[in-house]
């Protein structure tokens, strides 16, 4: 499942944007959002999603259960 950013908790610090290996994170209307079509949960790049790892606000970068889990190409 791709990650999403909880808009009401985002402080717009931009820490996540530079860490995303897929350039899936961008600023829109003062907050950062994750493009679910680009989010791979950092599979193949890191052991854990970097947006969640670097976000200074707990539980702001979270799994979006409404979307299917990313599957790496085999």
Protein backbone atom coordinates (compact mmCIF):
# COMPACT_ATOMS: atom_id res chain seq x y z
CA UNK A 1 0.00 0.00 0.00
CA UNK A 2 1.43 3.35 -0.89
CA UNK A 3 1.97 5.86 1.84
CA UNK A 4 0.02 9.07 2.31
CA UNK A 5 0.64 12.20 4.32
CA UNK A 6 -2.00 13.19 6.86
CA UNK A 7 -2.59 16.78 5.75
CA UNK A 8 -3.81 18.02 9.13
CA UNK A 9 -0.53 16.92 10.74
CA UNK A 10 1.92 18.00 8.02
CA UNK A 11 4.10 20.90 9.15
CA UNK A 12 5.44 21.52 5.62
CA UNK A 13 9.01 20.99 6.81
CA UNK A 14 9.92 19.28 3.47
CA UNK A 15 12.11 16.62 5.15
CA UNK A 16 10.30 13.84 3.31
CA UNK A 17 10.52 15.30 -0.19
CA UNK A 18 14.29 15.00 -0.57
CA UNK A 19 14.37 11.49 0.92
CA UNK A 20 11.89 9.92 -1.52
CA UNK A 21 13.81 7.81 -4.07
CA UNK A 22 10.86 7.92 -6.48
CA UNK A 23 10.15 11.67 -6.41
CA UNK A 24 6.63 10.77 -5.30
CA UNK A 25 6.38 13.63 -2.80
CA UNK A 26 5.55 17.20 -3.78
CA UNK A 27 4.24 20.35 -2.12
CA UNK A 28 0.69 21.37 -3.00
CA UNK A 29 -1.22 24.21 -1.40
CA UNK A 30 1.20 24.49 1.49
CA UNK A 31 1.36 20.81 2.44
CA UNK A 32 3.19 17.83 1.07
CA UNK A 33 1.40 14.98 -0.70
CA UNK A 34 2.47 11.57 -1.96
CA UNK A 35 1.59 10.51 -5.49
CA UNK A 36 0.34 6.94 -4.97
CA UNK A 37 1.22 6.01 -8.56
CA UNK A 38 4.90 6.72 -7.80
CA UNK A 39 5.11 5.44 -4.22
CA UNK A 40 6.79 2.04 -3.92
CA UNK A 41 7.06 2.10 -0.12
CA UNK A 42 10.81 2.43 -0.81
CA UNK A 43 10.92 -1.26 -1.78
CA UNK A 44 14.16 -1.91 -3.61
CA UNK A 45 15.75 1.25 -2.21
CA UNK A 46 15.56 1.11 1.59
CA UNK A 47 14.47 -1.29 4.32
CA UNK A 48 11.72 1.06 5.45
CA UNK A 49 9.76 3.97 3.95
CA UNK A 50 11.96 7.03 4.24
CA UNK A 51 9.13 9.55 4.45
CA UNK A 52 7.96 7.99 7.70
CA UNK A 53 11.53 7.61 8.96
CA UNK A 54 12.42 11.30 8.58
CA UNK A 55 9.07 12.94 9.39
CA UNK A 56 9.35 14.87 12.65
CA UNK A 57 5.65 14.34 13.45
CA UNK A 58 4.70 10.79 14.44
CA UNK A 59 2.04 9.06 12.35
CA UNK A 60 1.98 11.71 9.62
CA UNK A 61 3.37 9.51 6.83
CA UNK A 62 1.17 6.44 7.01
CA UNK A 63 0.04 3.50 4.88
CA UNK A 64 -2.99 4.28 2.74
CA UNK A 65 -5.16 1.17 3.21
CA UNK A 66 -7.54 2.32 0.46
CA UNK A 67 -4.94 1.57 -2.21
CA UNK A 68 -3.31 -1.75 -3.19
CA UNK A 69 0.13 -2.68 -1.92
CA UNK A 70 3.05 -2.02 -4.24
CA UNK A 71 4.53 -5.15 -5.80
CA UNK A 72 8.10 -5.02 -7.02
CA UNK A 73 8.71 -6.07 -10.60
CA UNK A 74 10.13 -9.55 -10.83
